[in-house]
Protein backbone atom coordinates (compact mmCIF):
# COMPACT_ATOMS: atom_id res chain seq x y z
CA UNK A 1 38.78 -22.93 41.29
CA UNK A 2 39.86 -26.94 40.87
CA UNK A 3 43.26 -27.68 42.46
CA UNK A 4 44.02 -31.39 40.78
CA UNK A 5 47.29 -33.29 40.87
CA UNK A 6 48.08 -35.11 37.30
CA UNK A 7 50.04 -38.15 37.77
CA UNK A 8 52.77 -38.98 35.03
CA UNK A 9 55.51 -41.68 36.30
CA UNK A 10 57.61 -43.89 35.04
CA UNK A 11 58.87 -45.50 38.42
CA UNK A 12 57.74 -46.46 42.11
CA UNK A 13 59.67 -43.58 43.58
CA UNK A 14 57.92 -41.11 41.40
CA UNK A 15 54.39 -42.27 41.62
CA UNK A 16 55.10 -41.90 45.56
CA UNK A 17 56.73 -38.32 45.02
CA UNK A 18 53.31 -37.16 42.98
CA UNK A 19 51.49 -38.36 45.82
CA UNK A 20 53.10 -36.76 48.61
CA UNK A 21 52.93 -33.47 46.25
CA UNK A 22 49.25 -34.15 46.53
CA UNK A 23 49.58 -33.74 50.35
CA UNK A 24 46.87 -36.36 50.59
CA UNK A 25 46.74 -38.52 53.63
CA UNK A 26 44.54 -42.05 53.44
CA UNK A 27 43.25 -43.18 56.66
CA UNK A 28 43.58 -47.23 57.27
CA UNK A 29 39.94 -47.52 55.84
CA UNK A 30 40.61 -46.01 52.81
CA UNK A 31 43.55 -47.77 52.32
CA UNK A 32 41.98 -51.05 52.92
CA UNK A 33 39.11 -50.23 50.03
CA UNK A 34 41.29 -49.59 47.77
CA UNK A 35 43.30 -52.93 48.29
CA UNK A 36 40.10 -54.60 48.10
CA UNK A 37 38.81 -53.04 44.81
CA UNK A 38 42.10 -53.80 43.42
CA UNK A 39 42.48 -57.25 44.47
CA UNK A 40 43.77 -59.54 41.89
CA UNK A 41 44.19 -56.54 39.31
CA UNK A 42 47.32 -56.06 37.24
CA UNK A 43 48.45 -53.27 35.83
CA UNK A 44 50.79 -52.61 33.18
CA UNK A 45 52.39 -49.45 31.71
CA UNK A 46 54.21 -49.17 28.65
CA UNK A 47 56.04 -46.44 26.99
CA UNK A 48 55.84 -45.98 23.06
CA UNK A 49 52.38 -47.00 22.47
CA UNK A 50 49.94 -45.12 20.14
CA UNK A 51 47.39 -42.96 22.02
CA UNK A 52 48.60 -45.17 25.08
CA UNK A 53 46.70 -48.21 24.33
CA UNK A 54 48.46 -51.70 24.16
CA UNK A 55 46.85 -55.11 23.45
CA UNK A 56 47.20 -57.58 26.08
CA UNK A 57 48.31 -61.01 25.36
CA UNK A 58 44.61 -62.60 25.29
CA UNK A 59 43.91 -60.05 22.42
CA UNK A 60 41.59 -57.44 25.05
CA UNK A 61 42.37 -53.70 24.71
CA UNK A 62 43.65 -51.69 27.97
CA UNK A 63 43.37 -48.23 28.27
CA UNK A 64 46.52 -46.40 29.82
CA UNK A 65 45.32 -42.38 29.29
């Protein structure tokens, strides 16, 4: 079988709760890799968007699935 954590959070606190529920521990090296990969990125999650898609200010579409 496959075990997975499905994350559906509205707040930073809920993200933390979901991460802890997954019983996952990341090494400092893994955290650094994730920080490097996401450097300069910005995520905006908006509720009530059809299909989870929103248009950015520049007209590009961003998927929030």
